[in-house]
Amino acid sequence: MSTSAKIKSLEFLDKIYVHLDSGDTLTIPYTYTPRLAQADKKLLETYRLIGDGIGVHFPEVDEDISLQGIITYKIQHELMAS
């Protein structure tokens, strides 16, 4: 995955699928943040990309997440799992 990748879109299924413009997809659980965990999926679908795709704003739940934060989360959790 390129470090210059940007978020292209999100998909809300069993997890949150973060689709990148590089063609890669990252997944995070809804429990990634407490506000996301408590939010109805319909509210999350009103997200908007911020910073040309370096982050996501969820206006209905007043939450922002960043691609860098997602990558850090994935690295930490994959290291813990190994």
PDB file of N, CA and C in Angstrom:
ATOM      1  N   MET A   1       0.849  -1.169   0.000  1.00  0.00           N
ATOM      2  CA  MET A   1       0.000   0.000   0.000  1.00  0.00           C
ATOM      3  C   MET A   1       0.893   1.230   0.000  1.00  0.00           C
ATOM      4  N   SER A   2       0.609   2.135  -0.831  1.00  0.00           N
ATOM      5  CA  SER A   2       1.363   3.367  -0.934  1.00  0.00           C
ATOM      6  C   SER A   2       1.050   4.285   0.245  1.00  0.00           C
ATOM      7  N   THR A   3       2.075   4.960   0.756  1.00  0.00           N
ATOM      8  CA  THR A   3       1.836   5.885   1.864  1.00  0.00           C
ATOM      9  C   THR A   3       1.130   7.146   1.395  1.00  0.00           C
ATOM     10  N   SER A   4       1.068   7.341   0.089  1.00  0.00           N
ATOM     11  CA  SER A   4       0.351   8.503  -0.427  1.00  0.00           C
ATOM     12  C   SER A   4      -1.098   8.164  -0.778  1.00  0.00           C
ATOM     13  N   ALA A   5      -1.535   6.978  -0.404  1.00  0.00           N
ATOM     14  CA  ALA A   5      -2.909   6.557  -0.685  1.00  0.00           C
ATOM     15  C   ALA A   5      -3.883   7.453   0.078  1.00  0.00           C
ATOM     16  N   LYS A   6      -5.057   7.594  -0.482  1.00  0.00           N
ATOM     17  CA  LYS A   6      -6.126   8.373   0.137  1.00  0.00           C
ATOM     18  C   LYS A   6      -7.381   7.519   0.234  1.00  0.00           C
ATOM     19  N   ILE A   7      -8.246   7.869   1.146  1.00  0.00           N
ATOM     20  CA  ILE A   7      -9.515   7.160   1.283  1.00  0.00           C
ATOM     21  C   ILE A   7     -10.407   7.553   0.114  1.00  0.00           C
ATOM     22  N   LYS A   8     -10.957   6.545  -0.519  1.00  0.00           N
ATOM     23  CA  LYS A   8     -11.856   6.767  -1.658  1.00  0.00           C
ATOM     24  C   LYS A   8     -13.319   6.657  -1.226  1.00  0.00           C
ATOM     25  N   SER A   9     -13.610   5.650  -0.401  1.00  0.00           N
ATOM     26  CA  SER A   9     -14.987   5.448   0.057  1.00  0.00           C
ATOM     27  C   SER A   9     -14.993   4.500   1.250  1.00  0.00           C
ATOM     28  N   LEU A  10     -16.125   4.464   1.921  1.00  0.00           N
ATOM     29  CA  LEU A  10     -16.340   3.538   3.035  1.00  0.00           C
ATOM     30  C   LEU A  10     -17.532   2.656   2.718  1.00  0.00           C
ATOM     31  N   GLU A  11     -17.508   1.470   3.280  1.00  0.00           N
ATOM     32  CA  GLU A  11     -18.622   0.539   3.139  1.00  0.00           C
ATOM     33  C   GLU A  11     -18.902  -0.031   4.530  1.00  0.00           C
ATOM     34  N   PHE A  12     -20.158  -0.089   4.901  1.00  0.00           N
ATOM     35  CA  PHE A  12     -20.549  -0.499   6.245  1.00  0.00           C
ATOM     36  C   PHE A  12     -21.237  -1.853   6.190  1.00  0.00           C
ATOM     37  N   LEU A  13     -20.487  -2.887   6.490  1.00  0.00           N
ATOM     38  CA  LEU A  13     -21.012  -4.252   6.488  1.00  0.00           C
ATOM     39  C   LEU A  13     -20.794  -4.837   7.878  1.00  0.00           C
ATOM     40  N   ASP A  14     -20.178  -6.014   7.975  1.00  0.00           N
ATOM     41  CA  ASP A  14     -19.867  -6.596   9.271  1.00  0.00           C
ATOM     42  C   ASP A  14     -18.790  -5.794   9.992  1.00  0.00           C
ATOM     43  N   LYS A  15     -17.965  -5.089   9.221  1.00  0.00           N
ATOM     44  CA  LYS A  15     -16.945  -4.165   9.689  1.00  0.00           C
ATOM     45  C   LYS A  15     -17.038  -2.927   8.807  1.00  0.00           C
ATOM     46  N   ILE A  16     -16.227  -1.948   9.100  1.00  0.00           N
ATOM     47  CA  ILE A  16     -16.134  -0.785   8.223  1.00  0.00           C
ATOM     48  C   ILE A  16     -15.015  -1.058   7.229  1.00  0.00           C
ATOM     49  N   TYR A  17     -15.360  -1.050   5.965  1.00  0.00           N
ATOM     50  CA  TYR A  17     -14.399  -1.281   4.898  1.00  0.00           C
ATOM     51  C   TYR A  17     -13.956   0.074   4.367  1.00  0.00           C
ATOM     52  N   VAL A  18     -12.657   0.315   4.451  1.00  0.00           N
ATOM     53  CA  VAL A  18     -12.078   1.585   4.025  1.00  0.00           C
ATOM     54  C   VAL A  18     -11.395   1.336   2.686  1.00  0.00           C
ATOM     55  N   HIS A  19     -12.019   1.796   1.619  1.00  0.00           N
ATOM     56  CA  HIS A  19     -11.486   1.597   0.269  1.00  0.00           C
ATOM     57  C   HIS A  19     -10.567   2.761  -0.077  1.00  0.00           C
ATOM     58  N   LEU A  20      -9.365   2.419  -0.518  1.00  0.00           N
ATOM     59  CA  LEU A  20      -8.367   3.427  -0.844  1.00  0.00           C
ATOM     60  C   LEU A  20      -8.242   3.603  -2.350  1.00  0.00           C
ATOM     61  N   ASP A  21      -7.759   4.769  -2.751  1.00  0.00           N
ATOM     62  CA  ASP A  21      -7.588   5.022  -4.181  1.00  0.00           C
ATOM     63  C   ASP A  21      -6.470   4.177  -4.789  1.00  0.00           C
ATOM     64  N   SER A  22      -5.663   3.532  -3.961  1.00  0.00           N
ATOM     65  CA  SER A  22      -4.604   2.640  -4.433  1.00  0.00           C
ATOM     66  C   SER A  22      -5.156   1.274  -4.837  1.00  0.00           C
ATOM     67  N   GLY A  23      -6.444   1.031  -4.523  1.00  0.00           N
ATOM     68  CA  GLY A  23      -7.055  -0.266  -4.786  1.00  0.00           C
ATOM     69  C   GLY A  23      -7.072  -1.160  -3.561  1.00  0.00           C
ATOM     70  N   ASP A  24      -6.376  -0.779  -2.511  1.00  0.00           N
ATOM     71  CA  ASP A  24      -6.354  -1.555  -1.271  1.00  0.00           C
ATOM     72  C   ASP A  24      -7.608  -1.278  -0.454  1.00  0.00           C
ATOM     73  N   THR A  25      -7.939  -2.221   0.410  1.00  0.00           N
ATOM     74  CA  THR A  25      -9.060  -2.058   1.330  1.00  0.00           C
ATOM     75  C   THR A  25      -8.597  -2.443   2.720  1.00  0.00           C
ATOM     76  N   LEU A  26      -8.849  -1.568   3.669  1.00  0.00           N
ATOM     77  CA  LEU A  26      -8.575  -1.843   5.073  1.00  0.00           C
ATOM     78  C   LEU A  26      -9.904  -2.039   5.783  1.00  0.00           C
ATOM     79  N   THR A  27      -9.907  -2.855   6.816  1.00  0.00           N
ATOM     80  CA  THR A  27     -11.128  -3.021   7.603  1.00  0.00           C
ATOM     81  C   THR A  27     -10.841  -2.636   9.047  1.00  0.00           C
ATOM     82  N   ILE A  28     -11.824  -2.001   9.640  1.00  0.00           N
ATOM     83  CA  ILE A  28     -11.752  -1.688  11.066  1.00  0.00           C
ATOM     84  C   ILE A  28     -13.086  -2.076  11.692  1.00  0.00           C
ATOM     85  N   PRO A  29     -13.049  -2.472  12.952  1.00  0.00           N
ATOM     86  CA  PRO A  29     -14.314  -2.802  13.619  1.00  0.00           C
ATOM     87  C   PRO A  29     -15.076  -1.524  13.963  1.00  0.00           C
ATOM     88  N   TYR A  30     -16.350  -1.667  14.181  1.00  0.00           N
ATOM     89  CA  TYR A  30     -17.151  -0.524  14.614  1.00  0.00           C
ATOM     90  C   TYR A  30     -16.672  -0.011  15.964  1.00  0.00           C
ATOM     91  N   THR A  31     -16.020  -0.857  16.716  1.00  0.00           N
ATOM     92  CA  THR A  31     -15.495  -0.465  18.020  1.00  0.00           C
ATOM     93  C   THR A  31     -14.183   0.312  17.911  1.00  0.00           C
ATOM     94  N   TYR A  32     -13.794   0.678  16.697  1.00  0.00           N
ATOM     95  CA  TYR A  32     -12.575   1.466  16.482  1.00  0.00           C
ATOM     96  C   TYR A  32     -12.594   2.728  17.358  1.00  0.00           C
ATOM     97  N   THR A  33     -13.752   3.359  17.491  1.00  0.00           N
ATOM     98  CA  THR A  33     -13.927   4.453  18.451  1.00  0.00           C
ATOM     99  C   THR A  33     -15.264   4.244  19.160  1.00  0.00           C
ATOM    100  N   PRO A  34     -15.389   4.724  20.379  1.00  0.00           N
ATOM    101  CA  PRO A  34     -16.658   4.557  21.097  1.00  0.00           C
ATOM    102  C   PRO A  34     -17.853   5.169  20.364  1.00  0.00           C
ATOM    103  N   ARG A  35     -17.664   6.309  19.732  1.00  0.00           N
ATOM    104  CA  ARG A  35     -18.778   6.950  19.035  1.00  0.00           C
ATOM    105  C   ARG A  35     -19.237   6.146  17.824  1.00  0.00           C
ATOM    106  N   LEU A  36     -18.287   5.562  17.112  1.00  0.00           N
ATOM    107  CA  LEU A  36     -18.679   4.709  15.978  1.00  0.00           C
ATOM    108  C   LEU A  36     -19.413   3.468  16.473  1.00  0.00           C
ATOM    109  N   ALA A  37     -18.954   2.922  17.581  1.00  0.00           N
ATOM    110  CA  ALA A  37     -19.565   1.712  18.132  1.00  0.00           C
ATOM    111  C   ALA A  37     -21.017   1.938  18.532  1.00  0.00           C
ATOM    112  N   GLN A  38     -21.330   3.130  19.004  1.00  0.00           N
ATOM    113  CA  GLN A  38     -22.674   3.427  19.481  1.00  0.00           C
ATOM    114  C   GLN A  38     -23.607   3.934  18.388  1.00  0.00           C
ATOM    115  N   ALA A  39     -23.045   4.273  17.241  1.00  0.00           N
ATOM    116  CA  ALA A  39     -23.844   4.903  16.185  1.00  0.00           C
ATOM    117  C   ALA A  39     -24.595   3.884  15.338  1.00  0.00           C
ATOM    118  N   ASP A  40     -25.754   4.279  14.891  1.00  0.00           N
ATOM    119  CA  ASP A  40     -26.519   3.503  13.920  1.00  0.00           C
ATOM    120  C   ASP A  40     -25.807   3.579  12.569  1.00  0.00           C
ATOM    121  N   LYS A  41     -25.775   2.474  11.835  1.00  0.00           N
ATOM    122  CA  LYS A  41     -25.095   2.454  10.535  1.00  0.00           C
ATOM    123  C   LYS A  41     -25.630   3.522   9.595  1.00  0.00           C
ATOM    124  N   LYS A  42     -26.914   3.804   9.655  1.00  0.00           N
ATOM    125  CA  LYS A  42     -27.498   4.834   8.783  1.00  0.00           C
ATOM    126  C   LYS A  42     -26.868   6.206   9.056  1.00  0.00           C
ATOM    127  N   LEU A  43     -26.566   6.485  10.314  1.00  0.00           N
ATOM    128  CA  LEU A  43     -25.918   7.748  10.643  1.00  0.00           C
ATOM    129  C   LEU A  43     -24.489   7.794  10.114  1.00  0.00           C
ATOM    130  N   LEU A  44     -23.824   6.656  10.134  1.00  0.00           N
ATOM    131  CA  LEU A  44     -22.446   6.608   9.639  1.00  0.00           C
ATOM    132  C   LEU A  44     -22.381   6.812   8.129  1.00  0.00           C
ATOM    133  N   GLU A  45     -23.422   6.417   7.433  1.00  0.00           N
ATOM    134  CA  GLU A  45     -23.435   6.533   5.973  1.00  0.00           C
ATOM    135  C   GLU A  45     -23.460   7.979   5.482  1.00  0.00           C
ATOM    136  N   THR A  46     -23.654   8.919   6.387  1.00  0.00           N
ATOM    137  CA  THR A  46     -23.654  10.334   5.995  1.00  0.00           C
ATOM    138  C   THR A  46     -22.249  10.931   6.083  1.00  0.00           C
ATOM    139  N   TYR A  47     -21.226  10.088   6.105  1.00  0.00           N
ATOM    140  CA  TYR A  47     -19.844  10.555   6.225  1.00  0.00           C
ATOM    141  C   TYR A  47     -19.450  11.434   5.041  1.00  0.00           C
ATOM    142  N   ARG A  48     -18.378  12.188   5.257  1.00  0.00           N
ATOM    143  CA  ARG A  48     -17.764  12.912   4.144  1.00  0.00           C
ATOM    144  C   ARG A  48     -16.255  12.827   4.309  1.00  0.00           C
ATOM    145  N   LEU A  49     -15.573  12.746   3.181  1.00  0.00           N
ATOM    146  CA  LEU A  49     -14.120  12.698   3.202  1.00  0.00           C
ATOM    147  C   LEU A  49     -13.582  14.086   3.512  1.00  0.00           C
ATOM    148  N   ILE A  50     -12.517  14.135   4.267  1.00  0.00           N
ATOM    149  CA  ILE A  50     -11.895  15.417   4.597  1.00  0.00           C
ATOM    150  C   ILE A  50     -10.422  15.385   4.185  1.00  0.00           C
ATOM    151  N   GLY A  51      -9.865  16.561   3.941  1.00  0.00           N
ATOM    152  CA  GLY A  51      -8.455  16.651   3.583  1.00  0.00           C
ATOM    153  C   GLY A  51      -8.108  15.883   2.333  1.00  0.00           C
ATOM    154  N   ASP A  52      -9.000  15.912   1.348  1.00  0.00           N
ATOM    155  CA  ASP A  52      -8.762  15.213   0.081  1.00  0.00           C
ATOM    156  C   ASP A  52      -8.561  13.708   0.277  1.00  0.00           C
ATOM    157  N   GLY A  53      -9.224  13.151   1.312  1.00  0.00           N
ATOM    158  CA  GLY A  53      -9.182  11.702   1.522  1.00  0.00           C
ATOM    159  C   GLY A  53      -8.211  11.232   2.584  1.00  0.00           C
ATOM    160  N   ILE A  54      -7.641  12.159   3.362  1.00  0.00           N
ATOM    161  CA  ILE A  54      -6.755  11.712   4.440  1.00  0.00           C
ATOM    162  C   ILE A  54      -7.527  11.381   5.711  1.00  0.00           C
ATOM    163  N   GLY A  55      -8.825  11.688   5.693  1.00  0.00           N
ATOM    164  CA  GLY A  55      -9.655  11.404   6.849  1.00  0.00           C
ATOM    165  C   GLY A  55     -11.120  11.365   6.487  1.00  0.00           C
ATOM    166  N   VAL A  56     -11.920  11.055   7.490  1.00  0.00           N
ATOM    167  CA  VAL A  56     -13.373  10.944   7.315  1.00  0.00           C
ATOM    168  C   VAL A  56     -14.049  11.674   8.469  1.00  0.00           C
ATOM    169  N   HIS A  57     -15.076  12.426   8.134  1.00  0.00           N
ATOM    170  CA  HIS A  57     -15.879  13.110   9.148  1.00  0.00           C
ATOM    171  C   HIS A  57     -17.272  12.495   9.144  1.00  0.00           C
ATOM    172  N   PHE A  58     -17.746  12.155  10.337  1.00  0.00           N
ATOM    173  CA  PHE A  58     -19.100  11.629  10.521  1.00  0.00           C
ATOM    174  C   PHE A  58     -19.903  12.711  11.230  1.00  0.00           C
ATOM    175  N   PRO A  59     -20.593  13.577  10.486  1.00  0.00           N
ATOM    176  CA  PRO A  59     -21.263  14.720  11.113  1.00  0.00           C
ATOM    177  C   PRO A  59     -22.368  14.331  12.084  1.00  0.00           C
ATOM    178  N   GLU A  60     -23.058  13.253  11.815  1.00  0.00           N
ATOM    179  CA  GLU A  60     -24.186  12.869  12.671  1.00  0.00           C
ATOM    180  C   GLU A  60     -23.750  12.348  14.032  1.00  0.00           C
ATOM    181  N   VAL A  61     -22.495  11.899  14.140  1.00  0.00           N
ATOM    182  CA  VAL A  61     -22.003  11.401  15.427  1.00  0.00           C
ATOM    183  C   VAL A  61     -20.814  12.221  15.937  1.00  0.00           C
ATOM    184  N   ASP A  62     -20.501  13.321  15.239  1.00  0.00           N
ATOM    185  CA  ASP A  62     -19.422  14.234  15.620  1.00  0.00           C
ATOM    186  C   ASP A  62     -18.118  13.489  15.857  1.00  0.00           C
ATOM    187  N   GLU A  63     -17.663  12.759  14.833  1.00  0.00           N
ATOM    188  CA  GLU A  63     -16.441  11.960  14.935  1.00  0.00           C
ATOM    189  C   GLU A  63     -15.612  12.131  13.675  1.00  0.00           C
ATOM    190  N   ASP A  64     -14.308  12.217  13.844  1.00  0.00           N
ATOM    191  CA  ASP A  64     -13.366  12.247  12.736  1.00  0.00           C
ATOM    192  C   ASP A  64     -12.375  11.109  12.931  1.00  0.00           C
ATOM    193  N   ILE A  65     -12.016  10.444  11.844  1.00  0.00           N
ATOM    194  CA  ILE A  65     -10.970   9.434  11.877  1.00  0.00           C
ATOM    195  C   ILE A  65     -10.022   9.729  10.721  1.00  0.00           C
ATOM    196  N   SER A  66      -8.762   9.323  10.880  1.00  0.00           N
ATOM    197  CA  SER A  66      -7.774   9.582   9.841  1.00  0.00           C
ATOM    198  C   SER A  66      -7.233   8.268   9.284  1.00  0.00           C
ATOM    199  N   LEU A  67      -6.762   8.337   8.053  1.00  0.00           N
ATOM    200  CA  LEU A  67      -6.138   7.158   7.447  1.00  0.00           C
ATOM    201  C   LEU A  67      -4.898   6.783   8.236  1.00  0.00           C
ATOM    202  N   GLN A  68      -4.122   7.761   8.666  1.00  0.00           N
ATOM    203  CA  GLN A  68      -2.926   7.458   9.455  1.00  0.00           C
ATOM    204  C   GLN A  68      -3.296   6.731  10.747  1.00  0.00           C
ATOM    205  N   GLY A  69      -4.366   7.162  11.394  1.00  0.00           N
ATOM    206  CA  GLY A  69      -4.815   6.489  12.608  1.00  0.00           C
ATOM    207  C   GLY A  69      -5.258   5.057  12.345  1.00  0.00           C
ATOM    208  N   ILE A  70      -5.925   4.843  11.217  1.00  0.00           N
ATOM    209  CA  ILE A  70      -6.364   3.498  10.847  1.00  0.00           C
ATOM    210  C   ILE A  70      -5.161   2.600  10.600  1.00  0.00           C
ATOM    211  N   ILE A  71      -4.176   3.123   9.887  1.00  0.00           N
ATOM    212  CA  ILE A  71      -2.969   2.336   9.599  1.00  0.00           C
ATOM    213  C   ILE A  71      -2.245   1.986  10.895  1.00  0.00           C
ATOM    214  N   THR A  72      -2.104   2.948  11.782  1.00  0.00           N
ATOM    215  CA  THR A  72      -1.455   2.695  13.075  1.00  0.00           C
ATOM    216  C   THR A  72      -2.217   1.634  13.864  1.00  0.00           C
ATOM    217  N   TYR A  73      -3.533   1.753  13.885  1.00  0.00           N
ATOM    218  CA  TYR A  73      -4.388   0.770  14.567  1.00  0.00           C
ATOM    219  C   TYR A  73      -4.165  -0.624  13.991  1.00  0.00           C
ATOM    220  N   LYS A  74      -4.156  -0.727  12.656  1.00  0.00           N
ATOM    221  CA  LYS A  74      -3.989  -2.030  12.001  1.00  0.00           C
ATOM    222  C   LYS A  74      -2.630  -2.629  12.342  1.00  0.00           C
ATOM    223  N   ILE A  75      -1.581  -1.825  12.312  1.00  0.00           N
ATOM    224  CA  ILE A  75      -0.240  -2.326  12.630  1.00  0.00           C
ATOM    225  C   ILE A  75      -0.189  -2.818  14.061  1.00  0.00           C
ATOM    226  N   GLN A  76      -0.698  -2.040  14.993  1.00  0.00           N
ATOM    227  CA  GLN A  76      -0.667  -2.437  16.407  1.00  0.00           C
ATOM    228  C   GLN A  76      -1.450  -3.717  16.642  1.00  0.00           C
ATOM    229  N   HIS A  77      -2.615  -3.839  16.040  1.00  0.00           N
ATOM    230  CA  HIS A  77      -3.444  -5.011  16.272  1.00  0.00           C
ATOM    231  C   HIS A  77      -2.928  -6.242  15.545  1.00  0.00           C
ATOM    232  N   GLU A  78      -2.300  -6.080  14.418  1.00  0.00           N
ATOM    233  CA  GLU A  78      -1.714  -7.228  13.729  1.00  0.00           C
ATOM    234  C   GLU A  78      -0.491  -7.725  14.468  1.00  0.00           C
ATOM    235  N   LEU A  79       0.303  -6.826  15.058  1.00  0.00           N
ATOM    236  CA  LEU A  79       1.450  -7.242  15.848  1.00  0.00           C
ATOM    237  C   LEU A  79       1.008  -7.976  17.100  1.00  0.00           C
ATOM    238  N   MET A  80      -0.071  -7.518  17.716  1.00  0.00           N
ATOM    239  CA  MET A  80      -0.594  -8.183  18.910  1.00  0.00           C
ATOM    240  C   MET A  80      -1.116  -9.563  18.591  1.00  0.00           C
ATOM    241  N   ALA A  81      -1.629  -9.752  17.370  1.00  0.00           N
ATOM    242  CA  ALA A  81      -2.208 -11.040  16.988  1.00  0.00           C
ATOM    243  C   ALA A  81      -1.139 -12.064  16.612  1.00  0.00           C
ATOM    244  N   SER A  82       0.078 -11.598  16.348  1.00  0.00           N
ATOM    245  CA  SER A  82       1.114 -12.555  15.915  1.00  0.00           C
ATOM    246  C   SER A  82       1.958 -13.050  17.039  1.00  0.00           C
TER     247      SER A  82
END
